[in-house]
N, C-alpha and C. Protein backbone atom coordinates (compact mmCIF):
# COMPACT_ATOMS: atom_id res chain seq x y z
N UNK A 1 -27.82 3.81 13.55
CA UNK A 1 -26.51 3.60 12.97
C UNK A 1 -25.50 4.61 13.55
N UNK A 2 -25.95 5.86 13.70
CA UNK A 2 -25.06 6.89 14.24
C UNK A 2 -24.57 6.52 15.64
N UNK A 3 -25.48 6.06 16.49
CA UNK A 3 -25.12 5.70 17.87
C UNK A 3 -24.12 4.56 17.86
N UNK A 4 -24.34 3.57 16.99
CA UNK A 4 -23.43 2.42 16.88
C UNK A 4 -22.03 2.89 16.47
N UNK A 5 -21.93 3.72 15.40
CA UNK A 5 -20.65 4.24 14.95
C UNK A 5 -19.98 5.08 16.03
N UNK A 6 -20.77 5.92 16.70
CA UNK A 6 -20.23 6.77 17.76
C UNK A 6 -19.66 5.91 18.89
N UNK A 7 -20.40 4.86 19.28
CA UNK A 7 -19.97 3.98 20.36
C UNK A 7 -18.61 3.35 20.04
N UNK A 8 -18.46 2.81 18.82
CA UNK A 8 -17.19 2.16 18.44
C UNK A 8 -16.07 3.18 18.31
N UNK A 9 -16.36 4.39 17.84
CA UNK A 9 -15.31 5.40 17.74
C UNK A 9 -14.83 5.83 19.12
N UNK A 10 -15.75 5.90 20.10
CA UNK A 10 -15.35 6.24 21.48
C UNK A 10 -14.49 5.13 22.05
N UNK A 11 -14.89 3.87 21.87
CA UNK A 11 -14.07 2.75 22.35
C UNK A 11 -12.69 2.76 21.70
N UNK A 12 -12.65 3.05 20.42
CA UNK A 12 -11.37 3.10 19.72
C UNK A 12 -10.49 4.23 20.25
N UNK A 13 -11.08 5.40 20.47
CA UNK A 13 -10.33 6.54 20.99
C UNK A 13 -9.77 6.25 22.38
N UNK A 14 -10.50 5.48 23.15
CA UNK A 14 -10.04 5.11 24.50
C UNK A 14 -9.06 3.94 24.48
N UNK A 15 -8.82 3.40 23.28
CA UNK A 15 -7.91 2.26 23.18
C UNK A 15 -8.54 0.96 23.62
N UNK A 16 -9.87 0.91 23.69
CA UNK A 16 -10.56 -0.29 24.16
C UNK A 16 -11.09 -1.14 23.01
N UNK A 17 -10.93 -0.69 21.81
CA UNK A 17 -11.40 -1.44 20.65
C UNK A 17 -10.33 -1.36 19.58
N UNK A 18 -10.07 -2.49 18.98
CA UNK A 18 -9.04 -2.50 17.95
C UNK A 18 -9.54 -3.29 16.74
N UNK A 19 -9.45 -2.69 15.58
CA UNK A 19 -9.81 -3.38 14.35
C UNK A 19 -8.64 -4.26 13.92
N UNK A 20 -8.95 -5.30 13.17
CA UNK A 20 -7.94 -6.15 12.56
C UNK A 20 -8.06 -6.03 11.06
N UNK A 21 -6.93 -6.05 10.37
CA UNK A 21 -6.95 -5.92 8.92
C UNK A 21 -5.83 -6.73 8.29
N UNK A 22 -6.07 -7.15 7.07
CA UNK A 22 -5.05 -7.85 6.28
C UNK A 22 -4.67 -6.93 5.12
N UNK A 23 -3.39 -6.63 5.03
CA UNK A 23 -2.88 -5.74 3.98
C UNK A 23 -1.81 -6.50 3.19
N UNK A 24 -1.84 -6.35 1.88
CA UNK A 24 -0.76 -6.91 1.07
C UNK A 24 0.07 -5.77 0.51
N UNK A 25 1.39 -5.93 0.58
CA UNK A 25 2.34 -4.97 0.02
C UNK A 25 2.75 -5.54 -1.34
N UNK A 26 2.39 -4.82 -2.40
CA UNK A 26 2.67 -5.28 -3.75
C UNK A 26 3.45 -4.22 -4.51
N UNK A 27 4.03 -4.61 -5.62
CA UNK A 27 4.80 -3.72 -6.47
C UNK A 27 5.95 -4.50 -7.07
N UNK A 28 6.60 -3.91 -8.03
CA UNK A 28 7.73 -4.58 -8.67
C UNK A 28 8.89 -4.73 -7.69
N UNK A 29 9.81 -5.59 -8.05
CA UNK A 29 11.00 -5.76 -7.22
C UNK A 29 11.77 -4.45 -7.12
N UNK A 30 12.39 -4.24 -5.99
CA UNK A 30 13.21 -3.06 -5.70
C UNK A 30 12.40 -1.77 -5.55
N UNK A 31 11.10 -1.90 -5.23
CA UNK A 31 10.28 -0.71 -5.03
C UNK A 31 10.34 -0.22 -3.58
N UNK A 32 10.73 -1.11 -2.63
CA UNK A 32 10.86 -0.71 -1.24
C UNK A 32 9.85 -1.36 -0.30
N UNK A 33 9.19 -2.43 -0.74
CA UNK A 33 8.17 -3.08 0.08
C UNK A 33 8.73 -3.62 1.39
N UNK A 34 9.81 -4.37 1.32
CA UNK A 34 10.40 -4.97 2.52
C UNK A 34 10.97 -3.89 3.43
N UNK A 35 11.59 -2.90 2.86
CA UNK A 35 12.14 -1.79 3.65
C UNK A 35 11.02 -1.08 4.42
N UNK A 36 9.89 -0.83 3.73
CA UNK A 36 8.75 -0.20 4.39
C UNK A 36 8.21 -1.07 5.51
N UNK A 37 8.05 -2.34 5.24
CA UNK A 37 7.52 -3.25 6.25
C UNK A 37 8.39 -3.26 7.51
N UNK A 38 9.70 -3.31 7.31
CA UNK A 38 10.61 -3.32 8.46
C UNK A 38 10.64 -1.95 9.15
N UNK A 39 10.48 -0.89 8.40
CA UNK A 39 10.43 0.45 8.99
C UNK A 39 9.18 0.58 9.86
N UNK A 40 8.06 0.05 9.38
CA UNK A 40 6.83 0.10 10.16
C UNK A 40 6.92 -0.79 11.40
N UNK A 41 7.60 -1.91 11.26
CA UNK A 41 7.69 -2.87 12.36
C UNK A 41 8.58 -2.37 13.48
N UNK A 42 9.80 -1.94 13.16
CA UNK A 42 10.72 -1.57 14.24
C UNK A 42 11.41 -0.23 14.02
N UNK A 43 10.89 0.60 13.12
CA UNK A 43 11.41 1.94 12.90
C UNK A 43 12.92 1.95 12.68
N UNK A 44 13.38 0.93 11.97
CA UNK A 44 14.82 0.78 11.73
C UNK A 44 15.06 0.58 10.24
N UNK A 45 15.99 1.32 9.69
CA UNK A 45 16.36 1.20 8.29
C UNK A 45 17.48 0.19 8.14
N UNK A 46 17.29 -0.78 7.27
CA UNK A 46 18.35 -1.76 7.01
C UNK A 46 18.28 -2.21 5.56
N UNK A 47 19.36 -2.81 5.10
CA UNK A 47 19.46 -3.31 3.73
C UNK A 47 18.87 -4.71 3.70
N UNK A 48 18.06 -4.98 2.67
CA UNK A 48 17.40 -6.27 2.56
C UNK A 48 17.72 -6.92 1.22
N UNK A 49 17.78 -8.23 1.24
CA UNK A 49 17.90 -8.98 0.00
C UNK A 49 16.52 -9.04 -0.64
N UNK A 50 16.47 -9.25 -1.95
CA UNK A 50 15.15 -9.36 -2.59
C UNK A 50 14.31 -10.46 -1.93
N UNK A 51 13.02 -10.17 -1.77
CA UNK A 51 12.11 -11.10 -1.13
C UNK A 51 11.91 -12.31 -2.04
N UNK A 52 12.20 -13.48 -1.52
CA UNK A 52 12.08 -14.70 -2.31
C UNK A 52 10.75 -15.41 -2.10
N UNK A 53 10.17 -15.24 -0.91
CA UNK A 53 8.88 -15.87 -0.62
C UNK A 53 8.07 -14.91 0.24
N UNK A 54 6.76 -15.03 0.21
CA UNK A 54 5.92 -14.12 1.00
C UNK A 54 6.25 -14.20 2.49
N UNK A 55 6.25 -13.03 3.12
CA UNK A 55 6.45 -12.96 4.56
C UNK A 55 5.30 -12.17 5.18
N UNK A 56 5.05 -12.42 6.46
CA UNK A 56 3.96 -11.73 7.14
C UNK A 56 4.48 -11.15 8.44
N UNK A 57 4.06 -9.94 8.72
CA UNK A 57 4.38 -9.26 9.97
C UNK A 57 3.08 -8.74 10.56
N UNK A 58 2.98 -8.75 11.89
CA UNK A 58 1.85 -8.13 12.55
C UNK A 58 2.28 -6.77 13.06
N UNK A 59 1.52 -5.76 12.71
CA UNK A 59 1.84 -4.38 13.07
C UNK A 59 0.61 -3.73 13.68
N UNK A 60 0.81 -2.77 14.55
CA UNK A 60 -0.29 -1.97 15.06
C UNK A 60 -0.02 -0.52 14.70
N UNK A 61 -0.96 0.05 13.98
CA UNK A 61 -0.86 1.46 13.59
C UNK A 61 -2.18 2.10 14.01
N UNK A 62 -2.10 3.03 14.94
CA UNK A 62 -3.32 3.64 15.47
C UNK A 62 -4.14 2.58 16.17
N UNK A 63 -5.41 2.47 15.82
CA UNK A 63 -6.29 1.50 16.46
C UNK A 63 -6.48 0.26 15.59
N UNK A 64 -5.61 0.07 14.62
CA UNK A 64 -5.76 -1.07 13.73
C UNK A 64 -4.56 -1.99 13.85
N UNK A 65 -4.84 -3.25 14.02
CA UNK A 65 -3.80 -4.28 14.04
C UNK A 65 -3.77 -4.89 12.64
N UNK A 66 -2.63 -4.75 11.96
CA UNK A 66 -2.48 -5.22 10.59
C UNK A 66 -1.70 -6.53 10.54
N UNK A 67 -2.14 -7.40 9.67
CA UNK A 67 -1.31 -8.51 9.22
C UNK A 67 -0.85 -8.07 7.84
N UNK A 68 0.42 -7.70 7.74
CA UNK A 68 0.95 -7.17 6.50
C UNK A 68 1.77 -8.25 5.79
N UNK A 69 1.44 -8.49 4.54
CA UNK A 69 2.12 -9.51 3.74
C UNK A 69 2.99 -8.83 2.70
N UNK A 70 4.28 -9.11 2.76
CA UNK A 70 5.24 -8.64 1.77
C UNK A 70 5.37 -9.76 0.75
N UNK A 71 4.88 -9.50 -0.45
CA UNK A 71 4.76 -10.56 -1.43
C UNK A 71 5.96 -10.72 -2.35
N UNK A 72 6.87 -9.79 -2.34
CA UNK A 72 7.95 -9.85 -3.33
C UNK A 72 7.43 -9.29 -4.64
N UNK A 73 8.35 -8.84 -5.49
CA UNK A 73 7.92 -8.20 -6.73
C UNK A 73 8.57 -8.74 -7.98
N UNK A 74 9.46 -9.73 -7.85
CA UNK A 74 10.05 -10.31 -9.05
C UNK A 74 8.98 -11.11 -9.80
N UNK A 75 9.22 -11.41 -11.05
CA UNK A 75 8.23 -12.01 -11.92
C UNK A 75 7.62 -13.28 -11.33
N UNK A 76 8.42 -14.17 -10.76
CA UNK A 76 7.90 -15.41 -10.17
C UNK A 76 6.97 -15.11 -9.00
N UNK A 77 7.33 -14.14 -8.17
CA UNK A 77 6.50 -13.80 -7.01
C UNK A 77 5.15 -13.25 -7.45
N UNK A 78 5.13 -12.48 -8.53
CA UNK A 78 3.88 -11.88 -9.00
C UNK A 78 2.85 -12.94 -9.41
N UNK A 79 3.34 -14.10 -9.76
CA UNK A 79 2.44 -15.18 -10.19
C UNK A 79 1.59 -15.71 -9.04
N UNK A 80 2.03 -15.52 -7.80
CA UNK A 80 1.26 -16.04 -6.67
C UNK A 80 0.54 -14.95 -5.87
N UNK A 81 0.63 -13.71 -6.29
CA UNK A 81 -0.04 -12.63 -5.58
C UNK A 81 -1.52 -12.96 -5.34
N UNK A 82 -2.17 -13.46 -6.36
CA UNK A 82 -3.61 -13.71 -6.30
C UNK A 82 -3.99 -14.67 -5.17
N UNK A 83 -3.09 -15.55 -4.81
CA UNK A 83 -3.38 -16.51 -3.74
C UNK A 83 -3.60 -15.83 -2.38
N UNK A 84 -3.18 -14.59 -2.24
CA UNK A 84 -3.28 -13.87 -0.98
C UNK A 84 -4.41 -12.84 -0.96
N UNK A 85 -5.24 -12.80 -1.99
CA UNK A 85 -6.29 -11.79 -2.09
C UNK A 85 -7.49 -12.06 -1.19
N UNK A 86 -7.67 -13.30 -0.75
CA UNK A 86 -8.82 -13.64 0.07
C UNK A 86 -8.81 -12.84 1.36
N UNK A 87 -9.91 -12.16 1.62
CA UNK A 87 -10.11 -11.37 2.83
C UNK A 87 -9.10 -10.23 3.02
N UNK A 88 -8.58 -9.69 1.93
CA UNK A 88 -7.68 -8.54 1.99
C UNK A 88 -8.50 -7.29 2.26
N UNK A 89 -8.03 -6.46 3.20
CA UNK A 89 -8.72 -5.22 3.53
C UNK A 89 -8.12 -4.00 2.83
N UNK A 90 -6.86 -4.12 2.38
CA UNK A 90 -6.21 -2.99 1.70
C UNK A 90 -5.00 -3.49 0.93
N UNK A 91 -4.67 -2.75 -0.13
CA UNK A 91 -3.47 -3.01 -0.92
C UNK A 91 -2.59 -1.78 -0.85
N UNK A 92 -1.32 -2.00 -0.54
CA UNK A 92 -0.31 -0.95 -0.60
C UNK A 92 0.58 -1.32 -1.78
N UNK A 93 0.53 -0.51 -2.84
CA UNK A 93 1.28 -0.79 -4.07
C UNK A 93 2.41 0.23 -4.17
N UNK A 94 3.65 -0.25 -4.09
CA UNK A 94 4.81 0.64 -4.13
C UNK A 94 5.39 0.72 -5.53
N UNK A 95 5.81 1.93 -5.90
CA UNK A 95 6.43 2.19 -7.19
C UNK A 95 7.72 2.95 -6.94
N UNK A 96 8.79 2.53 -7.58
CA UNK A 96 10.07 3.23 -7.51
C UNK A 96 10.00 4.43 -8.45
N UNK A 97 9.84 5.63 -7.90
CA UNK A 97 9.68 6.83 -8.73
C UNK A 97 10.98 7.26 -9.42
N UNK A 98 12.08 6.64 -9.04
CA UNK A 98 13.36 6.99 -9.67
C UNK A 98 13.68 6.09 -10.86
N UNK A 99 12.75 5.20 -11.22
CA UNK A 99 12.99 4.29 -12.33
C UNK A 99 11.80 4.31 -13.30
N UNK A 100 11.64 5.43 -14.04
CA UNK A 100 10.49 5.56 -14.94
C UNK A 100 10.49 4.54 -16.08
N UNK A 101 11.63 3.93 -16.38
CA UNK A 101 11.66 2.92 -17.43
C UNK A 101 10.78 1.73 -17.09
N UNK A 102 10.51 1.53 -15.80
CA UNK A 102 9.67 0.39 -15.37
C UNK A 102 8.20 0.78 -15.15
N UNK A 103 7.85 2.03 -15.40
CA UNK A 103 6.47 2.46 -15.20
C UNK A 103 5.47 1.67 -16.06
N UNK A 104 5.78 1.37 -17.34
CA UNK A 104 4.82 0.57 -18.11
C UNK A 104 4.57 -0.81 -17.48
N UNK A 105 5.60 -1.42 -16.94
CA UNK A 105 5.45 -2.70 -16.26
C UNK A 105 4.63 -2.53 -14.97
N UNK A 106 4.87 -1.44 -14.24
CA UNK A 106 4.09 -1.14 -13.04
C UNK A 106 2.62 -0.96 -13.39
N UNK A 107 2.37 -0.18 -14.44
CA UNK A 107 0.98 0.08 -14.86
C UNK A 107 0.29 -1.21 -15.23
N UNK A 108 0.96 -2.08 -15.94
CA UNK A 108 0.37 -3.37 -16.34
C UNK A 108 -0.02 -4.18 -15.10
N UNK A 109 0.87 -4.26 -14.12
CA UNK A 109 0.58 -5.02 -12.90
C UNK A 109 -0.53 -4.36 -12.08
N UNK A 110 -0.49 -3.04 -11.96
CA UNK A 110 -1.52 -2.32 -11.22
C UNK A 110 -2.88 -2.47 -11.89
N UNK A 111 -2.93 -2.33 -13.21
CA UNK A 111 -4.19 -2.50 -13.94
C UNK A 111 -4.77 -3.89 -13.70
N UNK A 112 -3.91 -4.89 -13.70
CA UNK A 112 -4.35 -6.26 -13.46
C UNK A 112 -4.95 -6.40 -12.05
N UNK A 113 -4.31 -5.78 -11.07
CA UNK A 113 -4.84 -5.81 -9.70
C UNK A 113 -6.18 -5.09 -9.60
N UNK A 114 -6.29 -3.94 -10.26
CA UNK A 114 -7.52 -3.16 -10.21
C UNK A 114 -8.68 -3.88 -10.89
N UNK A 115 -8.37 -4.80 -11.81
CA UNK A 115 -9.40 -5.57 -12.50
C UNK A 115 -9.77 -6.85 -11.75
N UNK A 116 -8.99 -7.24 -10.75
CA UNK A 116 -9.25 -8.49 -10.02
C UNK A 116 -10.57 -8.39 -9.26
N UNK A 117 -11.44 -9.33 -9.48
CA UNK A 117 -12.75 -9.34 -8.84
C UNK A 117 -12.62 -9.37 -7.32
N UNK A 118 -11.64 -10.10 -6.80
CA UNK A 118 -11.46 -10.23 -5.35
C UNK A 118 -11.10 -8.90 -4.69
N UNK A 119 -10.58 -7.97 -5.46
CA UNK A 119 -10.12 -6.69 -4.92
C UNK A 119 -11.01 -5.52 -5.33
N UNK A 120 -12.18 -5.80 -5.88
CA UNK A 120 -12.98 -4.72 -6.48
C UNK A 120 -13.42 -3.65 -5.50
N UNK A 121 -13.51 -3.97 -4.20
CA UNK A 121 -13.93 -2.96 -3.22
C UNK A 121 -12.82 -2.63 -2.23
N UNK A 122 -11.64 -3.13 -2.48
CA UNK A 122 -10.51 -2.96 -1.56
C UNK A 122 -9.80 -1.64 -1.85
N UNK A 123 -9.55 -0.82 -0.83
CA UNK A 123 -8.82 0.44 -1.06
C UNK A 123 -7.36 0.18 -1.44
N UNK A 124 -6.85 1.01 -2.34
CA UNK A 124 -5.47 0.94 -2.80
C UNK A 124 -4.74 2.22 -2.42
N UNK A 125 -3.64 2.08 -1.71
CA UNK A 125 -2.74 3.21 -1.46
C UNK A 125 -1.54 3.00 -2.38
N UNK A 126 -1.35 3.89 -3.32
CA UNK A 126 -0.22 3.81 -4.24
C UNK A 126 0.88 4.68 -3.66
N UNK A 127 2.01 4.06 -3.32
CA UNK A 127 3.12 4.81 -2.74
C UNK A 127 4.20 5.02 -3.79
N UNK A 128 4.37 6.27 -4.19
CA UNK A 128 5.47 6.64 -5.08
C UNK A 128 6.70 6.81 -4.21
N UNK A 129 7.49 5.76 -4.10
CA UNK A 129 8.63 5.72 -3.18
C UNK A 129 9.90 6.28 -3.83
N UNK A 130 10.85 6.58 -3.01
CA UNK A 130 12.20 7.05 -3.38
C UNK A 130 12.20 8.46 -3.94
N UNK A 131 11.32 9.32 -3.40
CA UNK A 131 11.28 10.70 -3.87
C UNK A 131 12.53 11.47 -3.47
N UNK A 132 13.33 10.90 -2.57
CA UNK A 132 14.57 11.54 -2.17
C UNK A 132 15.65 11.37 -3.23
N UNK A 133 15.45 10.51 -4.20
CA UNK A 133 16.40 10.28 -5.28
C UNK A 133 16.31 11.42 -6.30
N UNK A 134 17.45 11.89 -6.77
CA UNK A 134 17.46 13.00 -7.73
C UNK A 134 16.76 12.67 -9.04
N UNK A 135 16.69 11.38 -9.40
CA UNK A 135 16.05 10.96 -10.65
C UNK A 135 14.54 10.74 -10.50
N UNK A 136 14.01 11.00 -9.34
CA UNK A 136 12.61 10.76 -9.05
C UNK A 136 11.71 11.66 -9.89
N UNK A 137 10.55 11.12 -10.28
CA UNK A 137 9.58 11.91 -11.04
C UNK A 137 8.63 12.62 -10.07
N UNK A 138 7.87 13.55 -10.58
CA UNK A 138 6.89 14.26 -9.77
C UNK A 138 5.64 13.40 -9.60
N UNK A 139 4.78 13.80 -8.68
CA UNK A 139 3.51 13.09 -8.49
C UNK A 139 2.68 13.11 -9.77
N UNK A 140 2.63 14.25 -10.43
CA UNK A 140 1.85 14.35 -11.67
C UNK A 140 2.38 13.39 -12.73
N UNK A 141 3.71 13.30 -12.87
CA UNK A 141 4.29 12.37 -13.85
C UNK A 141 3.97 10.92 -13.50
N UNK A 142 4.02 10.60 -12.22
CA UNK A 142 3.70 9.24 -11.78
C UNK A 142 2.23 8.93 -12.05
N UNK A 143 1.35 9.86 -11.69
CA UNK A 143 -0.08 9.66 -11.93
C UNK A 143 -0.36 9.44 -13.41
N UNK A 144 0.27 10.25 -14.24
CA UNK A 144 0.07 10.13 -15.69
C UNK A 144 0.55 8.77 -16.18
N UNK A 145 1.73 8.34 -15.73
CA UNK A 145 2.30 7.06 -16.17
C UNK A 145 1.44 5.87 -15.75
N UNK A 146 0.79 5.99 -14.60
CA UNK A 146 -0.03 4.88 -14.09
C UNK A 146 -1.51 5.02 -14.46
N UNK A 147 -1.86 6.12 -15.12
CA UNK A 147 -3.25 6.34 -15.50
C UNK A 147 -4.14 6.66 -14.32
N UNK A 148 -3.59 7.37 -13.34
CA UNK A 148 -4.32 7.68 -12.11
C UNK A 148 -4.46 9.19 -11.92
N UNK A 149 -4.85 9.89 -12.97
CA UNK A 149 -4.96 11.33 -12.86
C UNK A 149 -6.07 11.73 -11.90
N UNK A 150 -7.14 10.94 -11.84
CA UNK A 150 -8.21 11.19 -10.88
C UNK A 150 -8.28 9.98 -9.96
N UNK A 151 -8.15 10.22 -8.68
CA UNK A 151 -8.23 9.12 -7.74
C UNK A 151 -9.31 9.39 -6.72
N UNK A 152 -9.68 8.35 -6.02
CA UNK A 152 -10.75 8.36 -5.02
C UNK A 152 -12.00 9.08 -5.53
N UNK A 153 -12.30 8.87 -6.77
CA UNK A 153 -13.51 9.41 -7.37
C UNK A 153 -14.41 8.23 -7.65
N UNK A 154 -15.49 8.09 -6.90
CA UNK A 154 -16.32 6.91 -7.03
C UNK A 154 -17.00 6.81 -8.39
N UNK A 155 -17.09 7.91 -9.11
CA UNK A 155 -17.63 7.83 -10.47
C UNK A 155 -16.63 7.16 -11.41
N UNK A 156 -15.34 7.28 -11.08
CA UNK A 156 -14.28 6.72 -11.91
C UNK A 156 -13.89 5.32 -11.45
N UNK A 157 -13.78 5.13 -10.14
CA UNK A 157 -13.32 3.87 -9.59
C UNK A 157 -14.35 3.31 -8.62
N UNK A 158 -14.46 2.00 -8.58
CA UNK A 158 -15.39 1.35 -7.66
C UNK A 158 -14.80 1.22 -6.26
N UNK A 159 -13.58 1.67 -6.10
CA UNK A 159 -12.91 1.54 -4.81
C UNK A 159 -12.13 2.83 -4.52
N UNK A 160 -11.85 3.05 -3.23
CA UNK A 160 -10.96 4.17 -2.89
C UNK A 160 -9.54 3.86 -3.38
N UNK A 161 -8.95 4.85 -4.01
CA UNK A 161 -7.57 4.72 -4.49
C UNK A 161 -6.92 6.09 -4.40
N UNK A 162 -5.70 6.13 -3.87
CA UNK A 162 -5.02 7.42 -3.73
C UNK A 162 -3.52 7.22 -3.89
N UNK A 163 -2.87 8.27 -4.36
CA UNK A 163 -1.41 8.27 -4.57
C UNK A 163 -0.76 9.10 -3.47
N UNK A 164 0.29 8.55 -2.89
CA UNK A 164 1.07 9.23 -1.86
C UNK A 164 2.54 9.16 -2.26
N UNK A 165 3.17 10.30 -2.34
CA UNK A 165 4.60 10.34 -2.64
C UNK A 165 5.35 10.19 -1.32
N UNK A 166 6.39 9.34 -1.33
CA UNK A 166 7.07 9.07 -0.07
C UNK A 166 8.54 8.71 -0.28
N UNK A 167 9.24 8.70 0.82
CA UNK A 167 10.60 8.17 0.89
C UNK A 167 10.67 7.36 2.17
N UNK A 168 10.72 6.05 2.01
CA UNK A 168 10.82 5.19 3.19
C UNK A 168 12.13 5.48 3.90
N UNK A 169 13.20 5.67 3.14
CA UNK A 169 14.52 5.94 3.72
C UNK A 169 14.52 7.22 4.56
N UNK A 170 13.85 8.26 4.07
CA UNK A 170 13.79 9.54 4.80
C UNK A 170 12.62 9.61 5.78
N UNK A 171 11.80 8.54 5.79
CA UNK A 171 10.66 8.43 6.71
C UNK A 171 9.61 9.52 6.49
N UNK A 172 9.29 9.77 5.22
CA UNK A 172 8.28 10.78 4.91
C UNK A 172 7.24 10.23 3.93
N UNK A 173 6.01 10.66 4.11
CA UNK A 173 4.94 10.40 3.15
C UNK A 173 4.13 9.14 3.36
N UNK A 174 4.70 8.09 3.89
CA UNK A 174 3.94 6.84 4.00
C UNK A 174 2.99 6.83 5.20
N UNK A 175 3.27 7.62 6.22
CA UNK A 175 2.37 7.65 7.38
C UNK A 175 0.99 8.19 6.97
N UNK A 176 0.98 9.17 6.07
CA UNK A 176 -0.28 9.72 5.57
C UNK A 176 -1.09 8.63 4.86
N UNK A 177 -0.40 7.77 4.14
CA UNK A 177 -1.08 6.68 3.43
C UNK A 177 -1.76 5.73 4.41
N UNK A 178 -1.07 5.40 5.49
CA UNK A 178 -1.65 4.48 6.46
C UNK A 178 -2.76 5.14 7.27
N UNK A 179 -2.65 6.42 7.52
CA UNK A 179 -3.76 7.14 8.16
C UNK A 179 -4.99 7.12 7.27
N UNK A 180 -4.78 7.35 5.98
CA UNK A 180 -5.87 7.32 5.01
C UNK A 180 -6.52 5.93 4.99
N UNK A 181 -5.69 4.89 4.91
CA UNK A 181 -6.22 3.52 4.88
C UNK A 181 -6.97 3.19 6.17
N UNK A 182 -6.45 3.64 7.31
CA UNK A 182 -7.09 3.29 8.58
C UNK A 182 -8.50 3.89 8.69
N UNK A 183 -8.75 4.99 8.00
CA UNK A 183 -10.09 5.58 7.99
C UNK A 183 -11.06 4.79 7.12
N UNK A 184 -10.50 3.99 6.20
CA UNK A 184 -11.35 3.24 5.26
C UNK A 184 -11.59 1.80 5.68
N UNK A 185 -10.77 1.32 6.59
CA UNK A 185 -10.87 -0.09 7.00
C UNK A 185 -11.83 -0.22 8.16
């Protein structure tokens, strides 16, 4: 097994091997999913209208080629999230840290995702977005609100899960999340 893993890691380091993955971007509306997707795609910040229907972009980050699905976060969009869970390799769940009034709604949606049988072994990167906003909460406050005081603890969770504080607008914090995910996929 060691030789096999070593062989693929050498090919990957040489750029001769590339993994493919399917990632879904989930979270409530106005959390920054579309902005993040476009930032990852063309490193350009722009204003977006609320996502009305699922969109897919192909991205390459490191040695992984991602098919990233932006699902939208309004109530109607959340009803079809489950249709995209088949063969998902990772979930990126964005939370607007400057809007704590919506944390109970975020927790309800996240808990539902964590209970989904189709996602029971899928890693979750929770992105606490908009930390550049003066009304933003701390990581500890976000973890407490979402019930994620202990993450990536296999005794607690059946899957890898981690919280990353970020600002898509300021281009900070989300790269660490994708590096973390790429090690798990």
